[in-house]
Amino acid sequence: TIQERVRPAATFKPEVASLNLGSMNFGLFGMLNRFKDLKHQWERD
């Protein structure tokens, strides 16, 4: 969530923080074609 994402920058007041400027589809599924031996179930999910 956005509330989770902003917490480190709000807490530590860095010189710079990243900021994404738009919503988008986010596709990582192509990596499963190259990386098949995953140690953790969370990675596959």
PDB file of all heavy atoms in Angstrom:
ATOM      1  N   THR A   1       0.840  -1.193   0.000  1.00  0.00           N
ATOM      2  CA  THR A   1       0.000   0.000   0.000  1.00  0.00           C
ATOM      3  C   THR A   1       0.880   1.250   0.000  1.00  0.00           C
ATOM      4  O   THR A   1       2.064   1.204   0.374  1.00  0.00           O
ATOM      5  CB  THR A   1      -0.903   0.051   1.233  1.00  0.00           C
ATOM      6  OG1 THR A   1      -0.090   0.238   2.412  1.00  0.00           O
ATOM      7  CG2 THR A   1      -1.725  -1.235   1.370  1.00  0.00           C
ATOM      8  N   ILE A   2       0.287   2.361  -0.369  1.00  0.00           N
ATOM      9  CA  ILE A   2       1.036   3.612  -0.374  1.00  0.00           C
ATOM     10  C   ILE A   2       1.457   4.003   1.033  1.00  0.00           C
ATOM     11  O   ILE A   2       2.536   4.589   1.241  1.00  0.00           O
ATOM     12  CB  ILE A   2       0.209   4.729  -1.053  1.00  0.00           C
ATOM     13  CG1 ILE A   2       1.118   5.895  -1.438  1.00  0.00           C
ATOM     14  CG2 ILE A   2      -0.941   5.192  -0.167  1.00  0.00           C
ATOM     15  CD1 ILE A   2       2.090   5.583  -2.536  1.00  0.00           C
ATOM     16  N   GLN A   3       0.666   3.668   2.034  1.00  0.00           N
ATOM     17  CA  GLN A   3       1.020   3.981   3.422  1.00  0.00           C
ATOM     18  C   GLN A   3       2.265   3.203   3.854  1.00  0.00           C
ATOM     19  O   GLN A   3       3.132   3.747   4.559  1.00  0.00           O
ATOM     20  CB  GLN A   3      -0.160   3.672   4.346  1.00  0.00           C
ATOM     21  CG  GLN A   3      -1.340   4.613   4.205  1.00  0.00           C
ATOM     22  CD  GLN A   3      -2.201   4.342   2.977  1.00  0.00           C
ATOM     23  OE1 GLN A   3      -2.146   3.240   2.401  1.00  0.00           O
ATOM     24  NE2 GLN A   3      -3.010   5.309   2.578  1.00  0.00           N
ATOM     25  N   GLU A   4       2.356   1.943   3.443  1.00  0.00           N
ATOM     26  CA  GLU A   4       3.555   1.160   3.734  1.00  0.00           C
ATOM     27  C   GLU A   4       4.762   1.737   3.011  1.00  0.00           C
ATOM     28  O   GLU A   4       5.859   1.849   3.575  1.00  0.00           O
ATOM     29  CB  GLU A   4       3.355  -0.292   3.292  1.00  0.00           C
ATOM     30  CG  GLU A   4       2.366  -1.108   4.083  1.00  0.00           C
ATOM     31  CD  GLU A   4       2.199  -2.490   3.480  1.00  0.00           C
ATOM     32  OE1 GLU A   4       1.521  -2.630   2.437  1.00  0.00           O
ATOM     33  OE2 GLU A   4       2.769  -3.443   4.055  1.00  0.00           O
ATOM     34  N   ARG A   5       4.568   2.094   1.773  1.00  0.00           N
ATOM     35  CA  ARG A   5       5.684   2.477   0.914  1.00  0.00           C
ATOM     36  C   ARG A   5       6.365   3.773   1.357  1.00  0.00           C
ATOM     37  O   ARG A   5       7.579   3.935   1.197  1.00  0.00           O
ATOM     38  CB  ARG A   5       5.191   2.585  -0.530  1.00  0.00           C
ATOM     39  CG  ARG A   5       4.910   1.237  -1.165  1.00  0.00           C
ATOM     40  CD  ARG A   5       4.017   1.356  -2.401  1.00  0.00           C
ATOM     41  NE  ARG A   5       4.476   2.416  -3.287  1.00  0.00           N
ATOM     42  CZ  ARG A   5       3.777   2.853  -4.333  1.00  0.00           C
ATOM     43  NH1 ARG A   5       2.585   2.324  -4.611  1.00  0.00           N
ATOM     44  NH2 ARG A   5       4.251   3.809  -5.097  1.00  0.00           N
ATOM     45  N   VAL A   6       5.604   4.710   1.915  1.00  0.00           N
ATOM     46  CA  VAL A   6       6.175   6.010   2.253  1.00  0.00           C
ATOM     47  C   VAL A   6       6.862   6.020   3.621  1.00  0.00           C
ATOM     48  O   VAL A   6       7.613   6.954   3.938  1.00  0.00           O
ATOM     49  CB  VAL A   6       5.085   7.107   2.194  1.00  0.00           C
ATOM     50  CG1 VAL A   6       4.180   7.059   3.424  1.00  0.00           C
ATOM     51  CG2 VAL A   6       5.709   8.488   2.024  1.00  0.00           C
ATOM     52  N   ARG A   7       6.661   5.003   4.428  1.00  0.00           N
ATOM     53  CA  ARG A   7       7.130   5.048   5.818  1.00  0.00           C
ATOM     54  C   ARG A   7       8.641   5.263   5.971  1.00  0.00           C
ATOM     55  O   ARG A   7       9.059   6.100   6.796  1.00  0.00           O
ATOM     56  CB  ARG A   7       6.697   3.776   6.565  1.00  0.00           C
ATOM     57  CG  ARG A   7       5.213   3.736   6.907  1.00  0.00           C
ATOM     58  CD  ARG A   7       4.879   2.458   7.648  1.00  0.00           C
ATOM     59  NE  ARG A   7       5.514   2.416   8.963  1.00  0.00           N
ATOM     60  CZ  ARG A   7       5.769   1.299   9.636  1.00  0.00           C
ATOM     61  NH1 ARG A   7       5.436   0.122   9.113  1.00  0.00           N
ATOM     62  NH2 ARG A   7       6.329   1.360  10.824  1.00  0.00           N
ATOM     63  N   PRO A   8       9.506   4.565   5.230  1.00  0.00           N
ATOM     64  CA  PRO A   8      10.939   4.815   5.425  1.00  0.00           C
ATOM     65  C   PRO A   8      11.344   6.247   5.112  1.00  0.00           C
ATOM     66  O   PRO A   8      12.113   6.860   5.863  1.00  0.00           O
ATOM     67  CB  PRO A   8      11.598   3.808   4.470  1.00  0.00           C
ATOM     68  CG  PRO A   8      10.593   2.716   4.332  1.00  0.00           C
ATOM     69  CD  PRO A   8       9.271   3.405   4.343  1.00  0.00           C
ATOM     70  N   ALA A   9      10.833   6.809   4.023  1.00  0.00           N
ATOM     71  CA  ALA A   9      11.191   8.189   3.669  1.00  0.00           C
ATOM     72  C   ALA A   9      10.648   9.171   4.696  1.00  0.00           C
ATOM     73  O   ALA A   9      11.319  10.148   5.052  1.00  0.00           O
ATOM     74  CB  ALA A   9      10.668   8.526   2.274  1.00  0.00           C
ATOM     75  N   ALA A  10       9.434   8.921   5.186  1.00  0.00           N
ATOM     76  CA  ALA A  10       8.853   9.810   6.199  1.00  0.00           C
ATOM     77  C   ALA A  10       9.618   9.722   7.512  1.00  0.00           C
ATOM     78  O   ALA A  10       9.781  10.724   8.222  1.00  0.00           O
ATOM     79  CB  ALA A  10       7.382   9.445   6.422  1.00  0.00           C
ATOM     80  N   THR A  11      10.105   8.546   7.839  1.00  0.00           N
ATOM     81  CA  THR A  11      10.810   8.337   9.110  1.00  0.00           C
ATOM     82  C   THR A  11      12.228   8.886   9.080  1.00  0.00           C
ATOM     83  O   THR A  11      12.673   9.551  10.019  1.00  0.00           O
ATOM     84  CB  THR A  11      10.849   6.835   9.443  1.00  0.00           C
ATOM     85  OG1 THR A  11       9.509   6.334   9.528  1.00  0.00           O
ATOM     86  CG2 THR A  11      11.580   6.576  10.750  1.00  0.00           C
ATOM     87  N   PHE A  12      12.948   8.609   7.978  1.00  0.00           N
ATOM     88  CA  PHE A  12      14.385   8.887   7.969  1.00  0.00           C
ATOM     89  C   PHE A  12      14.770  10.164   7.233  1.00  0.00           C
ATOM     90  O   PHE A  12      15.934  10.548   7.241  1.00  0.00           O
ATOM     91  CB  PHE A  12      15.128   7.685   7.380  1.00  0.00           C
ATOM     92  CG  PHE A  12      14.987   6.428   8.204  1.00  0.00           C
ATOM     93  CD1 PHE A  12      14.259   5.348   7.736  1.00  0.00           C
ATOM     94  CD2 PHE A  12      15.548   6.354   9.467  1.00  0.00           C
ATOM     95  CE1 PHE A  12      14.109   4.200   8.501  1.00  0.00           C
ATOM     96  CE2 PHE A  12      15.413   5.218  10.246  1.00  0.00           C
ATOM     97  CZ  PHE A  12      14.689   4.130   9.762  1.00  0.00           C
ATOM     98  N   LYS A  13      13.815  10.807   6.557  1.00  0.00           N
ATOM     99  CA  LYS A  13      14.041  12.125   5.943  1.00  0.00           C
ATOM    100  C   LYS A  13      15.307  12.161   5.080  1.00  0.00           C
ATOM    101  O   LYS A  13      16.213  12.999   5.284  1.00  0.00           O
ATOM    102  CB  LYS A  13      14.114  13.201   7.025  1.00  0.00           C
ATOM    103  CG  LYS A  13      12.902  13.243   7.945  1.00  0.00           C
ATOM    104  CD  LYS A  13      13.099  14.225   9.098  1.00  0.00           C
ATOM    105  CE  LYS A  13      11.862  14.355   9.983  1.00  0.00           C
ATOM    106  NZ  LYS A  13      11.423  13.069  10.565  1.00  0.00           N
ATOM    107  N   PRO A  14      15.421  11.304   4.094  1.00  0.00           N
ATOM    108  CA  PRO A  14      16.650  11.237   3.290  1.00  0.00           C
ATOM    109  C   PRO A  14      16.811  12.462   2.395  1.00  0.00           C
ATOM    110  O   PRO A  14      15.878  13.265   2.216  1.00  0.00           O
ATOM    111  CB  PRO A  14      16.425   9.980   2.444  1.00  0.00           C
ATOM    112  CG  PRO A  14      14.940   9.941   2.253  1.00  0.00           C
ATOM    113  CD  PRO A  14      14.376  10.388   3.586  1.00  0.00           C
ATOM    114  N   GLU A  15      18.001  12.598   1.830  1.00  0.00           N
ATOM    115  CA  GLU A  15      18.218  13.666   0.861  1.00  0.00           C
ATOM    116  C   GLU A  15      17.364  13.453  -0.386  1.00  0.00           C
ATOM    117  O   GLU A  15      16.879  14.416  -0.989  1.00  0.00           O
ATOM    118  CB  GLU A  15      19.697  13.733   0.469  1.00  0.00           C
ATOM    119  CG  GLU A  15      20.629  14.145   1.597  1.00  0.00           C
ATOM    120  CD  GLU A  15      22.056  14.279   1.123  1.00  0.00           C
ATOM    121  OE1 GLU A  15      22.378  15.307   0.496  1.00  0.00           O
ATOM    122  OE2 GLU A  15      22.860  13.345   1.369  1.00  0.00           O
ATOM    123  N   VAL A  16      17.221  12.195  -0.788  1.00  0.00           N
ATOM    124  CA  VAL A  16      16.460  11.853  -1.984  1.00  0.00           C
ATOM    125  C   VAL A  16      15.568  10.665  -1.677  1.00  0.00           C
ATOM    126  O   VAL A  16      15.946   9.762  -0.918  1.00  0.00           O
ATOM    127  CB  VAL A  16      17.387  11.491  -3.172  1.00  0.00           C
ATOM    128  CG1 VAL A  16      16.573  11.199  -4.438  1.00  0.00           C
ATOM    129  CG2 VAL A  16      18.402  12.592  -3.450  1.00  0.00           C
ATOM    130  N   ALA A  17      14.379  10.657  -2.268  1.00  0.00           N
ATOM    131  CA  ALA A  17      13.504   9.477  -2.248  1.00  0.00           C
ATOM    132  C   ALA A  17      12.978   9.257  -3.655  1.00  0.00           C
ATOM    133  O   ALA A  17      12.789  10.221  -4.414  1.00  0.00           O
ATOM    134  CB  ALA A  17      12.343   9.666  -1.273  1.00  0.00           C
ATOM    135  N   SER A  18      12.766   8.015  -4.023  1.00  0.00           N
ATOM    136  CA  SER A  18      12.182   7.744  -5.333  1.00  0.00           C
ATOM    137  C   SER A  18      10.687   8.015  -5.292  1.00  0.00           C
ATOM    138  O   SER A  18      10.056   7.952  -4.233  1.00  0.00           O
ATOM    139  CB  SER A  18      12.441   6.293  -5.744  1.00  0.00           C
ATOM    140  OG  SER A  18      11.708   5.401  -4.916  1.00  0.00           O
ATOM    141  N   LEU A  19      10.112   8.329  -6.455  1.00  0.00           N
ATOM    142  CA  LEU A  19       8.674   8.566  -6.548  1.00  0.00           C
ATOM    143  C   LEU A  19       8.201   8.134  -7.925  1.00  0.00           C
ATOM    144  O   LEU A  19       8.635   8.687  -8.938  1.00  0.00           O
ATOM    145  CB  LEU A  19       8.345  10.042  -6.310  1.00  0.00           C
ATOM    146  CG  LEU A  19       6.872  10.437  -6.376  1.00  0.00           C
ATOM    147  CD1 LEU A  19       6.024   9.607  -5.420  1.00  0.00           C
ATOM    148  CD2 LEU A  19       6.702  11.920  -6.069  1.00  0.00           C
ATOM    149  N   ASN A  20       7.326   7.123  -7.949  1.00  0.00           N
ATOM    150  CA  ASN A  20       6.783   6.625  -9.205  1.00  0.00           C
ATOM    151  C   ASN A  20       5.642   7.515  -9.664  1.00  0.00           C
ATOM    152  O   ASN A  20       4.764   7.871  -8.878  1.00  0.00           O
ATOM    153  CB  ASN A  20       6.305   5.180  -9.024  1.00  0.00           C
ATOM    154  CG  ASN A  20       7.443   4.266  -8.631  1.00  0.00           C
ATOM    155  OD1 ASN A  20       7.890   4.275  -7.491  1.00  0.00           O
ATOM    156  ND2 ASN A  20       7.936   3.490  -9.568  1.00  0.00           N
ATOM    157  N   LEU A  21       5.625   7.852 -10.950  1.00  0.00           N
ATOM    158  CA  LEU A  21       4.743   8.898 -11.447  1.00  0.00           C
ATOM    159  C   LEU A  21       3.509   8.394 -12.182  1.00  0.00           C
ATOM    160  O   LEU A  21       2.843   9.193 -12.839  1.00  0.00           O
ATOM    161  CB  LEU A  21       5.530   9.844 -12.357  1.00  0.00           C
ATOM    162  CG  LEU A  21       6.063  11.119 -11.688  1.00  0.00           C
ATOM    163  CD1 LEU A  21       4.928  12.020 -11.220  1.00  0.00           C
ATOM    164  CD2 LEU A  21       7.002  10.830 -10.553  1.00  0.00           C
ATOM    165  N   GLY A  22       3.166   7.121 -12.035  1.00  0.00           N
ATOM    166  CA  GLY A  22       1.934   6.669 -12.663  1.00  0.00           C
ATOM    167  C   GLY A  22       1.658   5.207 -12.414  1.00  0.00           C
ATOM    168  O   GLY A  22       2.575   4.404 -12.197  1.00  0.00           O
ATOM    169  N   SER A  23       0.379   4.854 -12.444  1.00  0.00           N
ATOM    170  CA  SER A  23      -0.021   3.449 -12.300  1.00  0.00           C
ATOM    171  C   SER A  23       0.292   2.695 -13.590  1.00  0.00           C
ATOM    172  O   SER A  23       0.279   3.257 -14.688  1.00  0.00           O
ATOM    173  CB  SER A  23      -1.517   3.353 -11.998  1.00  0.00           C
ATOM    174  OG  SER A  23      -1.830   4.035 -10.797  1.00  0.00           O
ATOM    175  N   MET A  24       0.548   1.388 -13.448  1.00  0.00           N
ATOM    176  CA  MET A  24       0.920   0.605 -14.624  1.00  0.00           C
ATOM    177  C   MET A  24       0.754  -0.883 -14.347  1.00  0.00           C
ATOM    178  O   MET A  24       0.817  -1.332 -13.195  1.00  0.00           O
ATOM    179  CB  MET A  24       2.375   0.884 -15.004  1.00  0.00           C
ATOM    180  CG  MET A  24       3.369   0.549 -13.894  1.00  0.00           C
ATOM    181  SD  MET A  24       5.073   0.999 -14.262  1.00  0.00           S
ATOM    182  CE  MET A  24       5.453  -0.168 -15.568  1.00  0.00           C
ATOM    183  N   ASN A  25       0.533  -1.644 -15.416  1.00  0.00           N
ATOM    184  CA  ASN A  25       0.666  -3.090 -15.317  1.00  0.00           C
ATOM    185  C   ASN A  25       2.116  -3.407 -14.995  1.00  0.00           C
ATOM    186  O   ASN A  25       3.038  -2.739 -15.491  1.00  0.00           O
ATOM    187  CB  ASN A  25       0.271  -3.757 -16.631  1.00  0.00           C
ATOM    188  CG  ASN A  25      -1.208  -3.661 -16.901  1.00  0.00           C
ATOM    189  OD1 ASN A  25      -2.020  -3.706 -15.981  1.00  0.00           O
ATOM    190  ND2 ASN A  25      -1.570  -3.523 -18.160  1.00  0.00           N
ATOM    191  N   PHE A  26       2.338  -4.425 -14.175  1.00  0.00           N
ATOM    192  CA  PHE A  26       3.684  -4.731 -13.707  1.00  0.00           C
ATOM    193  C   PHE A  26       3.908  -6.223 -13.917  1.00  0.00           C
ATOM    194  O   PHE A  26       3.445  -7.041 -13.129  1.00  0.00           O
ATOM    195  CB  PHE A  26       3.811  -4.355 -12.226  1.00  0.00           C
ATOM    196  CG  PHE A  26       5.216  -4.080 -11.773  1.00  0.00           C
ATOM    197  CD1 PHE A  26       5.785  -2.837 -11.971  1.00  0.00           C
ATOM    198  CD2 PHE A  26       5.960  -5.051 -11.136  1.00  0.00           C
ATOM    199  CE1 PHE A  26       7.072  -2.559 -11.535  1.00  0.00           C
ATOM    200  CE2 PHE A  26       7.248  -4.789 -10.689  1.00  0.00           C
ATOM    201  CZ  PHE A  26       7.811  -3.539 -10.894  1.00  0.00           C
ATOM    202  N   GLY A  27       4.592  -6.572 -14.991  1.00  0.00           N
ATOM    203  CA  GLY A  27       4.723  -7.978 -15.366  1.00  0.00           C
ATOM    204  C   GLY A  27       6.109  -8.529 -15.132  1.00  0.00           C
ATOM    205  O   GLY A  27       7.065  -8.168 -15.823  1.00  0.00           O
ATOM    206  N   LEU A  28       6.221  -9.430 -14.165  1.00  0.00           N
ATOM    207  CA  LEU A  28       7.489 -10.104 -13.886  1.00  0.00           C
ATOM    208  C   LEU A  28       7.462 -11.563 -14.328  1.00  0.00           C
ATOM    209  O   LEU A  28       8.468 -12.266 -14.201  1.00  0.00           O
ATOM    210  CB  LEU A  28       7.800 -10.040 -12.386  1.00  0.00           C
ATOM    211  CG  LEU A  28       7.847  -8.634 -11.769  1.00  0.00           C
ATOM    212  CD1 LEU A  28       8.074  -8.727 -10.272  1.00  0.00           C
ATOM    213  CD2 LEU A  28       8.922  -7.781 -12.419  1.00  0.00           C
ATOM    214  N   PHE A  29       6.315 -12.013 -14.838  1.00  0.00           N
ATOM    215  CA  PHE A  29       6.101 -13.433 -15.116  1.00  0.00           C
ATOM    216  C   PHE A  29       7.056 -13.995 -16.162  1.00  0.00           C
ATOM    217  O   PHE A  29       7.321 -15.197 -16.177  1.00  0.00           O
ATOM    218  CB  PHE A  29       4.646 -13.669 -15.542  1.00  0.00           C
ATOM    219  CG  PHE A  29       4.118 -12.678 -16.533  1.00  0.00           C
ATOM    220  CD1 PHE A  29       4.332 -12.837 -17.890  1.00  0.00           C
ATOM    221  CD2 PHE A  29       3.407 -11.570 -16.094  1.00  0.00           C
ATOM    222  CE1 PHE A  29       3.842 -11.911 -18.802  1.00  0.00           C
ATOM    223  CE2 PHE A  29       2.915 -10.638 -16.996  1.00  0.00           C
ATOM    224  CZ  PHE A  29       3.133 -10.810 -18.358  1.00  0.00           C
ATOM    225  N   GLY A  30       7.599 -13.148 -17.036  1.00  0.00           N
ATOM    226  CA  GLY A  30       8.555 -13.639 -18.024  1.00  0.00           C
ATOM    227  C   GLY A  30       9.808 -14.211 -17.399  1.00  0.00           C
ATOM    228  O   GLY A  30      10.488 -15.056 -18.017  1.00  0.00           O
ATOM    229  N   MET A  31      10.125 -13.787 -16.189  1.00  0.00           N
ATOM    230  CA  MET A  31      11.323 -14.299 -15.522  1.00  0.00           C
ATOM    231  C   MET A  31      11.213 -15.778 -15.198  1.00  0.00           C
ATOM    232  O   MET A  31      12.234 -16.462 -15.042  1.00  0.00           O
ATOM    233  CB  MET A  31      11.591 -13.500 -14.244  1.00  0.00           C
ATOM    234  CG  MET A  31      11.971 -12.059 -14.476  1.00  0.00           C
ATOM    235  SD  MET A  31      12.376 -11.226 -12.915  1.00  0.00           S
ATOM    236  CE  MET A  31      12.776  -9.589 -13.514  1.00  0.00           C
ATOM    237  N   LEU A  32       9.980 -16.289 -15.064  1.00  0.00           N
ATOM    238  CA  LEU A  32       9.818 -17.717 -14.769  1.00  0.00           C
ATOM    239  C   LEU A  32      10.298 -18.596 -15.901  1.00  0.00           C
ATOM    240  O   LEU A  32      10.571 -19.784 -15.700  1.00  0.00           O
ATOM    241  CB  LEU A  32       8.346 -18.015 -14.445  1.00  0.00           C
ATOM    242  CG  LEU A  32       7.826 -17.452 -13.120  1.00  0.00           C
ATOM    243  CD1 LEU A  32       6.342 -17.739 -12.968  1.00  0.00           C
ATOM    244  CD2 LEU A  32       8.601 -18.031 -11.940  1.00  0.00           C
ATOM    245  N   ASN A  33      10.417 -18.051 -17.092  1.00  0.00           N
ATOM    246  CA  ASN A  33      10.950 -18.819 -18.217  1.00  0.00           C
ATOM    247  C   ASN A  33      12.451 -19.036 -18.080  1.00  0.00           C
ATOM    248  O   ASN A  33      12.999 -19.989 -18.639  1.00  0.00           O
ATOM    249  CB  ASN A  33      10.661 -18.092 -19.539  1.00  0.00           C
ATOM    250  CG  ASN A  33       9.178 -17.974 -19.822  1.00  0.00           C
ATOM    251  OD1 ASN A  33       8.402 -18.867 -19.484  1.00  0.00           O
ATOM    252  ND2 ASN A  33       8.778 -16.874 -20.451  1.00  0.00           N
ATOM    253  N   ARG A  34      13.106 -18.151 -17.351  1.00  0.00           N
ATOM    254  CA  ARG A  34      14.560 -18.231 -17.198  1.00  0.00           C
ATOM    255  C   ARG A  34      14.989 -18.785 -15.839  1.00  0.00           C
ATOM    256  O   ARG A  34      16.049 -19.395 -15.729  1.00  0.00           O
ATOM    257  CB  ARG A  34      15.179 -16.837 -17.386  1.00  0.00           C
ATOM    258  CG  ARG A  34      14.875 -16.212 -18.726  1.00  0.00           C
ATOM    259  CD  ARG A  34      15.719 -14.971 -18.983  1.00  0.00           C
ATOM    260  NE  ARG A  34      15.496 -13.908 -18.018  1.00  0.00           N
ATOM    261  CZ  ARG A  34      14.506 -13.027 -18.102  1.00  0.00           C
ATOM    262  NH1 ARG A  34      13.643 -13.107 -19.087  1.00  0.00           N
ATOM    263  NH2 ARG A  34      14.389 -12.061 -17.204  1.00  0.00           N
ATOM    264  N   PHE A  35      14.167 -18.540 -14.828  1.00  0.00           N
ATOM    265  CA  PHE A  35      14.523 -18.963 -13.476  1.00  0.00           C
ATOM    266  C   PHE A  35      13.463 -19.947 -12.987  1.00  0.00           C
ATOM    267  O   PHE A  35      12.381 -19.555 -12.575  1.00  0.00           O
ATOM    268  CB  PHE A  35      14.602 -17.755 -12.543  1.00  0.00           C
ATOM    269  CG  PHE A  35      15.625 -16.733 -12.950  1.00  0.00           C
ATOM    270  CD1 PHE A  35      15.237 -15.598 -13.647  1.00  0.00           C
ATOM    271  CD2 PHE A  35      16.969 -16.911 -12.660  1.00  0.00           C
ATOM    272  CE1 PHE A  35      16.173 -14.638 -14.029  1.00  0.00           C
ATOM    273  CE2 PHE A  35      17.912 -15.962 -13.037  1.00  0.00           C
ATOM    274  CZ  PHE A  35      17.507 -14.830 -13.733  1.00  0.00           C
ATOM    275  N   LYS A  36      13.789 -21.226 -13.039  1.00  0.00           N
ATOM    276  CA  LYS A  36      12.811 -22.259 -12.707  1.00  0.00           C
ATOM    277  C   LYS A  36      13.046 -22.885 -11.338  1.00  0.00           C
ATOM    278  O   LYS A  36      12.135 -23.447 -10.743  1.00  0.00           O
ATOM    279  CB  LYS A  36      12.826 -23.343 -13.791  1.00  0.00           C
ATOM    280  CG  LYS A  36      12.500 -22.787 -15.190  1.00  0.00           C
ATOM    281  CD  LYS A  36      12.485 -23.891 -16.227  1.00  0.00           C
ATOM    282  CE  LYS A  36      12.252 -23.331 -17.615  1.00  0.00           C
ATOM    283  NZ  LYS A  36      10.953 -22.659 -17.760  1.00  0.00           N
ATOM    284  N   ASP A  37      14.263 -22.815 -10.841  1.00  0.00           N
ATOM    285  CA  ASP A  37      14.605 -23.430  -9.565  1.00  0.00           C
ATOM    286  C   ASP A  37      14.533 -22.382  -8.462  1.00  0.00           C
ATOM    287  O   ASP A  37      15.538 -21.765  -8.097  1.00  0.00           O
ATOM    288  CB  ASP A  37      16.004 -24.047  -9.638  1.00  0.00           C
ATOM    289  CG  ASP A  37      16.360 -24.827  -8.380  1.00  0.00           C
ATOM    290  OD1 ASP A  37      15.423 -25.187  -7.629  1.00  0.00           O
ATOM    291  OD2 ASP A  37      17.565 -25.059  -8.143  1.00  0.00           O
ATOM    292  N   LEU A  38      13.333 -22.158  -7.936  1.00  0.00           N
ATOM    293  CA  LEU A  38      13.113 -21.131  -6.922  1.00  0.00           C
ATOM    294  C   LEU A  38      13.024 -21.770  -5.541  1.00  0.00           C
ATOM    295  O   LEU A  38      12.311 -22.749  -5.341  1.00  0.00           O
ATOM    296  CB  LEU A  38      11.833 -20.356  -7.230  1.00  0.00           C
ATOM    297  CG  LEU A  38      11.809 -19.654  -8.597  1.00  0.00           C
ATOM    298  CD1 LEU A  38      10.459 -18.996  -8.825  1.00  0.00           C
ATOM    299  CD2 LEU A  38      12.928 -18.636  -8.717  1.00  0.00           C
ATOM    300  N   LYS A  39      13.722 -21.196  -4.576  1.00  0.00           N
ATOM    301  CA  LYS A  39      13.822 -21.796  -3.247  1.00  0.00           C
ATOM    302  C   LYS A  39      12.610 -21.512  -2.374  1.00  0.00           C
ATOM    303  O   LYS A  39      12.311 -22.270  -1.463  1.00  0.00           O
ATOM    304  CB  LYS A  39      15.089 -21.273  -2.547  1.00  0.00           C
ATOM    305  CG  LYS A  39      16.388 -21.702  -3.193  1.00  0.00           C
ATOM    306  CD  LYS A  39      17.585 -21.149  -2.456  1.00  0.00           C
ATOM    307  CE  LYS A  39      17.744 -19.653  -2.655  1.00  0.00           C
ATOM    308  NZ  LYS A  39      19.014 -19.127  -2.103  1.00  0.00           N
ATOM    309  N   HIS A  40      11.933 -20.400  -2.626  1.00  0.00           N
ATOM    310  CA  HIS A  40      10.841 -19.964  -1.756  1.00  0.00           C
ATOM    311  C   HIS A  40       9.535 -19.899  -2.549  1.00  0.00           C
ATOM    312  O   HIS A  40       9.514 -19.413  -3.683  1.00  0.00           O
ATOM    313  CB  HIS A  40      11.134 -18.583  -1.161  1.00  0.00           C
ATOM    314  CG  HIS A  40      12.441 -18.490  -0.429  1.00  0.00           C
ATOM    315  ND1 HIS A  40      12.625 -19.042   0.822  1.00  0.00           N
ATOM    316  CD2 HIS A  40      13.631 -17.933  -0.775  1.00  0.00           C
ATOM    317  CE1 HIS A  40      13.862 -18.805   1.226  1.00  0.00           C
ATOM    318  NE2 HIS A  40      14.486 -18.134   0.259  1.00  0.00           N
ATOM    319  N   GLN A  41       8.454 -20.341  -1.926  1.00  0.00           N
ATOM    320  CA  GLN A  41       7.161 -20.287  -2.600  1.00  0.00           C
ATOM    321  C   GLN A  41       6.739 -18.852  -2.898  1.00  0.00           C
ATOM    322  O   GLN A  41       6.097 -18.585  -3.917  1.00  0.00           O
ATOM    323  CB  GLN A  41       6.084 -20.980  -1.749  1.00  0.00           C
ATOM    324  CG  GLN A  41       4.716 -21.070  -2.405  1.00  0.00           C
ATOM    325  CD  GLN A  41       4.740 -21.830  -3.718  1.00  0.00           C
ATOM    326  OE1 GLN A  41       5.389 -22.879  -3.834  1.00  0.00           O
ATOM    327  NE2 GLN A  41       4.051 -21.314  -4.735  1.00  0.00           N
ATOM    328  N   TRP A  42       7.113 -17.896  -2.037  1.00  0.00           N
ATOM    329  CA  TRP A  42       6.727 -16.502  -2.277  1.00  0.00           C
ATOM    330  C   TRP A  42       7.289 -15.997  -3.594  1.00  0.00           C
ATOM    331  O   TRP A  42       6.648 -15.168  -4.271  1.00  0.00           O
ATOM    332  CB  TRP A  42       7.143 -15.586  -1.129  1.00  0.00           C
ATOM    333  CG  TRP A  42       8.598 -15.189  -1.113  1.00  0.00           C
ATOM    334  CD1 TRP A  42       9.608 -15.763  -0.392  1.00  0.00           C
ATOM    335  CD2 TRP A  42       9.208 -14.108  -1.844  1.00  0.00           C
ATOM    336  NE1 TRP A  42      10.797 -15.131  -0.627  1.00  0.00           N
ATOM    337  CE2 TRP A  42      10.587 -14.101  -1.515  1.00  0.00           C
ATOM    338  CE3 TRP A  42       8.739 -13.150  -2.741  1.00  0.00           C
ATOM    339  CZ2 TRP A  42      11.496 -13.186  -2.054  1.00  0.00           C
ATOM    340  CZ3 TRP A  42       9.634 -12.224  -3.288  1.00  0.00           C
ATOM    341  CH2 TRP A  42      10.986 -12.256  -2.939  1.00  0.00           C
ATOM    342  N   GLU A  43       8.474 -16.495  -3.977  1.00  0.00           N
ATOM    343  CA  GLU A  43       9.077 -16.062  -5.237  1.00  0.00           C
ATOM    344  C   GLU A  43       8.209 -16.483  -6.423  1.00  0.00           C
ATOM    345  O   GLU A  43       7.947 -15.685  -7.336  1.00  0.00           O
ATOM    346  CB  GLU A  43      10.479 -16.661  -5.386  1.00  0.00           C
ATOM    347  CG  GLU A  43      11.476 -16.210  -4.334  1.00  0.00           C
ATOM    348  CD  GLU A  43      12.810 -16.919  -4.453  1.00  0.00           C
ATOM    349  OE1 GLU A  43      12.895 -18.109  -4.075  1.00  0.00           O
ATOM    350  OE2 GLU A  43      13.770 -16.296  -4.951  1.00  0.00           O
ATOM    351  N   ARG A  44       7.759 -17.732  -6.407  1.00  0.00           N
ATOM    352  CA  ARG A  44       6.928 -18.239  -7.502  1.00  0.00           C
ATOM    353  C   ARG A  44       5.587 -17.515  -7.547  1.00  0.00           C
ATOM    354  O   ARG A  44       5.097 -17.149  -8.621  1.00  0.00           O
ATOM    355  CB  ARG A  44       6.737 -19.746  -7.358  1.00  0.00           C
ATOM    356  CG  ARG A  44       6.085 -20.419  -8.559  1.00  0.00           C
ATOM    357  CD  ARG A  44       6.174 -21.930  -8.460  1.00  0.00           C
ATOM    358  NE  ARG A  44       7.561 -22.374  -8.395  1.00  0.00           N
ATOM    359  CZ  ARG A  44       8.353 -22.487  -9.457  1.00  0.00           C
ATOM    360  NH1 ARG A  44       7.888 -22.174 -10.658  1.00  0.00           N
ATOM    361  NH2 ARG A  44       9.597 -22.897  -9.324  1.00  0.00           N
ATOM    362  N   ASP A  45       4.991 -17.285  -6.391  1.00  0.00           N
ATOM    363  CA  ASP A  45       3.706 -16.582  -6.347  1.00  0.00           C
ATOM    364  C   ASP A  45       3.846 -15.146  -6.849  1.00  0.00           C
ATOM    365  O   ASP A  45       3.001 -14.645  -7.599  1.00  0.00           O
ATOM    366  CB  ASP A  45       3.162 -16.574  -4.912  1.00  0.00           C
ATOM    367  CG  ASP A  45       2.825 -17.971  -4.404  1.00  0.00           C
ATOM    368  OD1 ASP A  45       2.639 -18.887  -5.241  1.00  0.00           O
ATOM    369  OD2 ASP A  45       2.750 -18.136  -3.171  1.00  0.00           O
TER     370      ASP A  45
END
